[in-house]
Amino acid sequence: MRMRKGQTAMEYLMTYGWAILIIMVVLAVLFYLGVLNPPIPEQCVFPAGITCISSKLNTTGGLTLLIG
């Protein structure tokens, strides 16, 4: 009976070990491809002739745009 518990525990660890390894590989590939870190443009560009004169991001996360 004791051997069966050990085998069950080992199967549990192996199954979840493989699952965690696969998740880590997928996350690494997504990070490498830039999916998790999209590029931030240096300018603010709006369609239809609206121009952005300046932009400011404060420390609390607020964004101020001066549109002209």
PDB file of N, CA and C in Angstrom:
ATOM      1  N   MET A   1       0.827  -1.201   0.000  1.00  0.00           N
ATOM      2  CA  MET A   1       0.000   0.000   0.000  1.00  0.00           C
ATOM      3  C   MET A   1       0.868   1.261   0.000  1.00  0.00           C
ATOM      4  N   ARG A   2       1.960   1.226   0.754  1.00  0.00           N
ATOM      5  CA  ARG A   2       2.826   2.395   0.846  1.00  0.00           C
ATOM      6  C   ARG A   2       3.486   2.696  -0.504  1.00  0.00           C
ATOM      7  N   MET A   3       3.832   1.668  -1.247  1.00  0.00           N
ATOM      8  CA  MET A   3       4.457   1.860  -2.550  1.00  0.00           C
ATOM      9  C   MET A   3       3.489   2.535  -3.511  1.00  0.00           C
ATOM     10  N   ARG A   4       2.215   2.237  -3.420  1.00  0.00           N
ATOM     11  CA  ARG A   4       1.207   2.830  -4.307  1.00  0.00           C
ATOM     12  C   ARG A   4       1.082   4.332  -4.055  1.00  0.00           C
ATOM     13  N   LYS A   5       1.153   4.753  -2.790  1.00  0.00           N
ATOM     14  CA  LYS A   5       1.076   6.181  -2.467  1.00  0.00           C
ATOM     15  C   LYS A   5       2.277   6.926  -3.032  1.00  0.00           C
ATOM     16  N   GLY A   6       3.435   6.310  -2.949  1.00  0.00           N
ATOM     17  CA  GLY A   6       4.633   6.933  -3.496  1.00  0.00           C
ATOM     18  C   GLY A   6       4.556   7.071  -5.008  1.00  0.00           C
ATOM     19  N   GLN A   7       4.020   6.041  -5.670  1.00  0.00           N
ATOM     20  CA  GLN A   7       3.879   6.089  -7.123  1.00  0.00           C
ATOM     21  C   GLN A   7       2.878   7.164  -7.526  1.00  0.00           C
ATOM     22  N   THR A   8       1.786   7.273  -6.794  1.00  0.00           N
ATOM     23  CA  THR A   8       0.776   8.290  -7.087  1.00  0.00           C
ATOM     24  C   THR A   8       1.359   9.690  -6.910  1.00  0.00           C
ATOM     25  N   ALA A   9       2.114   9.888  -5.857  1.00  0.00           N
ATOM     26  CA  ALA A   9       2.728  11.196  -5.615  1.00  0.00           C
ATOM     27  C   ALA A   9       3.725  11.535  -6.720  1.00  0.00           C
ATOM     28  N   MET A  10       4.489  10.555  -7.158  1.00  0.00           N
ATOM     29  CA  MET A  10       5.468  10.793  -8.217  1.00  0.00           C
ATOM     30  C   MET A  10       4.776  11.117  -9.533  1.00  0.00           C
ATOM     31  N   GLU A  11       3.695  10.419  -9.859  1.00  0.00           N
ATOM     32  CA  GLU A  11       2.935  10.713 -11.075  1.00  0.00           C
ATOM     33  C   GLU A  11       2.352  12.123 -11.018  1.00  0.00           C
ATOM     34  N   TYR A  12       1.857  12.521  -9.867  1.00  0.00           N
ATOM     35  CA  TYR A  12       1.304  13.862  -9.665  1.00  0.00           C
ATOM     36  C   TYR A  12       2.379  14.923  -9.923  1.00  0.00           C
ATOM     37  N   LEU A  13       3.557  14.731  -9.334  1.00  0.00           N
ATOM     38  CA  LEU A  13       4.644  15.696  -9.511  1.00  0.00           C
ATOM     39  C   LEU A  13       5.122  15.755 -10.954  1.00  0.00           C
ATOM     40  N   MET A  14       5.211  14.629 -11.618  1.00  0.00           N
ATOM     41  CA  MET A  14       5.662  14.605 -13.011  1.00  0.00           C
ATOM     42  C   MET A  14       4.653  15.294 -13.920  1.00  0.00           C
ATOM     43  N   THR A  15       3.370  15.018 -13.722  1.00  0.00           N
ATOM     44  CA  THR A  15       2.333  15.616 -14.568  1.00  0.00           C
ATOM     45  C   THR A  15       2.336  17.133 -14.431  1.00  0.00           C
ATOM     46  N   TYR A  16       2.304  17.619 -13.213  1.00  0.00           N
ATOM     47  CA  TYR A  16       2.278  19.062 -13.015  1.00  0.00           C
ATOM     48  C   TYR A  16       3.625  19.702 -13.330  1.00  0.00           C
ATOM     49  N   GLY A  17       4.697  18.963 -13.194  1.00  0.00           N
ATOM     50  CA  GLY A  17       6.008  19.479 -13.588  1.00  0.00           C
ATOM     51  C   GLY A  17       6.068  19.747 -15.082  1.00  0.00           C
ATOM     52  N   TRP A  18       5.556  18.805 -15.884  1.00  0.00           N
ATOM     53  CA  TRP A  18       5.520  19.007 -17.339  1.00  0.00           C
ATOM     54  C   TRP A  18       4.605  20.166 -17.703  1.00  0.00           C
ATOM     55  N   ALA A  19       3.468  20.266 -17.033  1.00  0.00           N
ATOM     56  CA  ALA A  19       2.526  21.355 -17.329  1.00  0.00           C
ATOM     57  C   ALA A  19       3.162  22.714 -17.028  1.00  0.00           C
ATOM     58  N   ILE A  20       3.837  22.831 -15.911  1.00  0.00           N
ATOM     59  CA  ILE A  20       4.490  24.094 -15.550  1.00  0.00           C
ATOM     60  C   ILE A  20       5.620  24.407 -16.525  1.00  0.00           C
ATOM     61  N   LEU A  21       6.367  23.393 -16.940  1.00  0.00           N
ATOM     62  CA  LEU A  21       7.444  23.597 -17.909  1.00  0.00           C
ATOM     63  C   LEU A  21       6.899  24.104 -19.242  1.00  0.00           C
ATOM     64  N   ILE A  22       5.801  23.533 -19.704  1.00  0.00           N
ATOM     65  CA  ILE A  22       5.197  23.970 -20.965  1.00  0.00           C
ATOM     66  C   ILE A  22       4.709  25.408 -20.858  1.00  0.00           C
ATOM     67  N   ILE A  23       4.079  25.759 -19.750  1.00  0.00           N
ATOM     68  CA  ILE A  23       3.601  27.132 -19.553  1.00  0.00           C
ATOM     69  C   ILE A  23       4.777  28.108 -19.547  1.00  0.00           C
ATOM     70  N   MET A  24       5.868  27.741 -18.904  1.00  0.00           N
ATOM     71  CA  MET A  24       7.040  28.620 -18.869  1.00  0.00           C
ATOM     72  C   MET A  24       7.640  28.805 -20.260  1.00  0.00           C
ATOM     73  N   VAL A  25       7.677  27.738 -21.054  1.00  0.00           N
ATOM     74  CA  VAL A  25       8.210  27.844 -22.418  1.00  0.00           C
ATOM     75  C   VAL A  25       7.323  28.744 -23.266  1.00  0.00           C
ATOM     76  N   VAL A  26       6.004  28.587 -23.152  1.00  0.00           N
ATOM     77  CA  VAL A  26       5.077  29.429 -23.919  1.00  0.00           C
ATOM     78  C   VAL A  26       5.239  30.894 -23.524  1.00  0.00           C
ATOM     79  N   LEU A  27       5.330  31.180 -22.237  1.00  0.00           N
ATOM     80  CA  LEU A  27       5.524  32.559 -21.786  1.00  0.00           C
ATOM     81  C   LEU A  27       6.854  33.128 -22.280  1.00  0.00           C
ATOM     82  N   ALA A  28       7.902  32.317 -22.276  1.00  0.00           N
ATOM     83  CA  ALA A  28       9.202  32.783 -22.767  1.00  0.00           C
ATOM     84  C   ALA A  28       9.137  33.111 -24.253  1.00  0.00           C
ATOM     85  N   VAL A  29       8.451  32.276 -25.030  1.00  0.00           N
ATOM     86  CA  VAL A  29       8.316  32.538 -26.467  1.00  0.00           C
ATOM     87  C   VAL A  29       7.509  33.807 -26.702  1.00  0.00           C
ATOM     88  N   LEU A  30       6.408  33.986 -25.966  1.00  0.00           N
ATOM     89  CA  LEU A  30       5.601  35.194 -26.112  1.00  0.00           C
ATOM     90  C   LEU A  30       6.403  36.441 -25.744  1.00  0.00           C
ATOM     91  N   PHE A  31       7.189  36.355 -24.693  1.00  0.00           N
ATOM     92  CA  PHE A  31       8.018  37.493 -24.295  1.00  0.00           C
ATOM     93  C   PHE A  31       9.084  37.779 -25.347  1.00  0.00           C
ATOM     94  N   TYR A  32       9.698  36.730 -25.888  1.00  0.00           N
ATOM     95  CA  TYR A  32      10.734  36.893 -26.914  1.00  0.00           C
ATOM     96  C   TYR A  32      10.173  37.529 -28.179  1.00  0.00           C
ATOM     97  N   LEU A  33       8.948  37.150 -28.549  1.00  0.00           N
ATOM     98  CA  LEU A  33       8.326  37.694 -29.750  1.00  0.00           C
ATOM     99  C   LEU A  33       7.772  39.101 -29.541  1.00  0.00           C
ATOM    100  N   GLY A  34       7.739  39.576 -28.306  1.00  0.00           N
ATOM    101  CA  GLY A  34       7.287  40.933 -28.032  1.00  0.00           C
ATOM    102  C   GLY A  34       5.798  41.061 -27.800  1.00  0.00           C
ATOM    103  N   VAL A  35       5.102  39.948 -27.658  1.00  0.00           N
ATOM    104  CA  VAL A  35       3.656  40.007 -27.433  1.00  0.00           C
ATOM    105  C   VAL A  35       3.357  40.597 -26.056  1.00  0.00           C
ATOM    106  N   LEU A  36       4.164  40.265 -25.070  1.00  0.00           N
ATOM    107  CA  LEU A  36       3.937  40.758 -23.714  1.00  0.00           C
ATOM    108  C   LEU A  36       4.562  42.123 -23.458  1.00  0.00           C
ATOM    109  N   ASN A  37       5.294  42.649 -24.420  1.00  0.00           N
ATOM    110  CA  ASN A  37       5.953  43.940 -24.267  1.00  0.00           C
ATOM    111  C   ASN A  37       5.791  44.734 -25.564  1.00  0.00           C
ATOM    112  N   PRO A  38       4.589  45.256 -25.827  1.00  0.00           N
ATOM    113  CA  PRO A  38       4.375  45.962 -27.093  1.00  0.00           C
ATOM    114  C   PRO A  38       5.175  47.262 -27.148  1.00  0.00           C
ATOM    115  N   PRO A  39       5.613  47.661 -28.332  1.00  0.00           N
ATOM    116  CA  PRO A  39       6.394  48.902 -28.459  1.00  0.00           C
ATOM    117  C   PRO A  39       5.532  50.135 -28.196  1.00  0.00           C
ATOM    118  N   ILE A  40       6.136  51.136 -27.604  1.00  0.00           N
ATOM    119  CA  ILE A  40       5.446  52.394 -27.321  1.00  0.00           C
ATOM    120  C   ILE A  40       5.988  53.436 -28.290  1.00  0.00           C
ATOM    121  N   PRO A  41       5.119  54.057 -29.082  1.00  0.00           N
ATOM    122  CA  PRO A  41       5.607  55.039 -30.054  1.00  0.00           C
ATOM    123  C   PRO A  41       6.142  56.293 -29.358  1.00  0.00           C
ATOM    124  N   GLU A  42       7.091  56.943 -30.001  1.00  0.00           N
ATOM    125  CA  GLU A  42       7.685  58.166 -29.467  1.00  0.00           C
ATOM    126  C   GLU A  42       6.793  59.383 -29.701  1.00  0.00           C
ATOM    127  N   GLN A  43       5.859  59.308 -30.644  1.00  0.00           N
ATOM    128  CA  GLN A  43       4.970  60.419 -30.970  1.00  0.00           C
ATOM    129  C   GLN A  43       3.532  59.984 -30.761  1.00  0.00           C
ATOM    130  N   CYS A  44       2.674  60.976 -30.526  1.00  0.00           N
ATOM    131  CA  CYS A  44       1.253  60.648 -30.530  1.00  0.00           C
ATOM    132  C   CYS A  44       0.693  61.074 -31.889  1.00  0.00           C
ATOM    133  N   VAL A  45       0.078  60.138 -32.576  1.00  0.00           N
ATOM    134  CA  VAL A  45      -0.434  60.384 -33.916  1.00  0.00           C
ATOM    135  C   VAL A  45      -1.915  60.032 -33.926  1.00  0.00           C
ATOM    136  N   PHE A  46      -2.739  60.979 -34.379  1.00  0.00           N
ATOM    137  CA  PHE A  46      -4.176  60.761 -34.477  1.00  0.00           C
ATOM    138  C   PHE A  46      -4.601  60.824 -35.936  1.00  0.00           C
ATOM    139  N   PRO A  47      -5.640  60.101 -36.310  1.00  0.00           N
ATOM    140  CA  PRO A  47      -6.132  60.179 -37.688  1.00  0.00           C
ATOM    141  C   PRO A  47      -6.969  61.437 -37.913  1.00  0.00           C
ATOM    142  N   ALA A  48      -7.321  61.691 -39.136  1.00  0.00           N
ATOM    143  CA  ALA A  48      -8.261  62.746 -39.544  1.00  0.00           C
ATOM    144  C   ALA A  48      -7.764  64.155 -39.252  1.00  0.00           C
ATOM    145  N   GLY A  49      -6.474  64.394 -39.345  1.00  0.00           N
ATOM    146  CA  GLY A  49      -5.961  65.747 -39.225  1.00  0.00           C
ATOM    147  C   GLY A  49      -5.864  66.292 -37.815  1.00  0.00           C
ATOM    148  N   ILE A  50      -6.110  65.514 -36.800  1.00  0.00           N
ATOM    149  CA  ILE A  50      -5.959  65.977 -35.416  1.00  0.00           C
ATOM    150  C   ILE A  50      -4.489  65.833 -35.053  1.00  0.00           C
ATOM    151  N   THR A  51      -3.898  66.895 -34.556  1.00  0.00           N
ATOM    152  CA  THR A  51      -2.480  66.845 -34.196  1.00  0.00           C
ATOM    153  C   THR A  51      -2.300  66.891 -32.689  1.00  0.00           C
ATOM    154  N   CYS A  52      -1.320  66.206 -32.239  1.00  0.00           N
ATOM    155  CA  CYS A  52      -0.983  66.181 -30.817  1.00  0.00           C
ATOM    156  C   CYS A  52       0.241  67.065 -30.629  1.00  0.00           C
ATOM    157  N   ILE A  53       0.084  68.131 -29.880  1.00  0.00           N
ATOM    158  CA  ILE A  53       1.180  69.076 -29.679  1.00  0.00           C
ATOM    159  C   ILE A  53       2.159  68.542 -28.630  1.00  0.00           C
ATOM    160  N   SER A  54       1.635  68.025 -27.523  1.00  0.00           N
ATOM    161  CA  SER A  54       2.516  67.446 -26.508  1.00  0.00           C
ATOM    162  C   SER A  54       1.742  66.425 -25.683  1.00  0.00           C
ATOM    163  N   SER A  55       2.491  65.582 -25.005  1.00  0.00           N
ATOM    164  CA  SER A  55       1.887  64.595 -24.108  1.00  0.00           C
ATOM    165  C   SER A  55       2.714  64.530 -22.835  1.00  0.00           C
ATOM    166  N   LYS A  56       2.046  64.210 -21.725  1.00  0.00           N
ATOM    167  CA  LYS A  56       2.732  64.152 -20.444  1.00  0.00           C
ATOM    168  C   LYS A  56       2.113  63.032 -19.618  1.00  0.00           C
ATOM    169  N   LEU A  57       2.957  62.191 -19.050  1.00  0.00           N
ATOM    170  CA  LEU A  57       2.521  61.105 -18.183  1.00  0.00           C
ATOM    171  C   LEU A  57       3.029  61.401 -16.782  1.00  0.00           C
ATOM    172  N   ASN A  58       2.105  61.505 -15.810  1.00  0.00           N
ATOM    173  CA  ASN A  58       2.544  61.814 -14.451  1.00  0.00           C
ATOM    174  C   ASN A  58       2.810  60.532 -13.664  1.00  0.00           C
ATOM    175  N   THR A  59       3.263  60.685 -12.433  1.00  0.00           N
ATOM    176  CA  THR A  59       3.678  59.535 -11.627  1.00  0.00           C
ATOM    177  C   THR A  59       2.523  58.651 -11.196  1.00  0.00           C
ATOM    178  N   THR A  60       1.300  59.168 -11.195  1.00  0.00           N
ATOM    179  CA  THR A  60       0.145  58.354 -10.801  1.00  0.00           C
ATOM    180  C   THR A  60      -0.468  57.617 -11.979  1.00  0.00           C
ATOM    181  N   GLY A  61       0.088  57.783 -13.167  1.00  0.00           N
ATOM    182  CA  GLY A  61      -0.418  57.081 -14.341  1.00  0.00           C
ATOM    183  C   GLY A  61      -1.367  57.893 -15.182  1.00  0.00           C
ATOM    184  N   GLY A  62      -1.586  59.155 -14.826  1.00  0.00           N
ATOM    185  CA  GLY A  62      -2.465  60.018 -15.612  1.00  0.00           C
ATOM    186  C   GLY A  62      -1.766  60.512 -16.870  1.00  0.00           C
ATOM    187  N   LEU A  63      -2.500  60.582 -17.954  1.00  0.00           N
ATOM    188  CA  LEU A  63      -1.947  61.021 -19.231  1.00  0.00           C
ATOM    189  C   LEU A  63      -2.621  62.323 -19.632  1.00  0.00           C
ATOM    190  N   THR A  64      -1.811  63.338 -19.945  1.00  0.00           N
ATOM    191  CA  THR A  64      -2.316  64.629 -20.396  1.00  0.00           C
ATOM    192  C   THR A  64      -1.863  64.844 -21.830  1.00  0.00           C
ATOM    193  N   LEU A  65      -2.821  65.108 -22.724  1.00  0.00           N
ATOM    194  CA  LEU A  65      -2.522  65.376 -24.126  1.00  0.00           C
ATOM    195  C   LEU A  65      -2.939  66.794 -24.459  1.00  0.00           C
ATOM    196  N   LEU A  66      -2.085  67.517 -25.152  1.00  0.00           N
ATOM    197  CA  LEU A  66      -2.404  68.845 -25.657  1.00  0.00           C
ATOM    198  C   LEU A  66      -2.651  68.682 -27.150  1.00  0.00           C
ATOM    199  N   ILE A  67      -3.932  68.802 -27.518  1.00  0.00           N
ATOM    200  CA  ILE A  67      -4.345  68.560 -28.900  1.00  0.00           C
ATOM    201  C   ILE A  67      -4.623  69.887 -29.572  1.00  0.00           C
ATOM    202  N   GLY A  68      -4.116  70.049 -30.789  1.00  0.00           N
ATOM    203  CA  GLY A  68      -4.315  71.306 -31.493  1.00  0.00           C
ATOM    204  C   GLY A  68      -4.783  71.107 -32.902  1.00  0.00           C
TER     205      GLY A  68
END
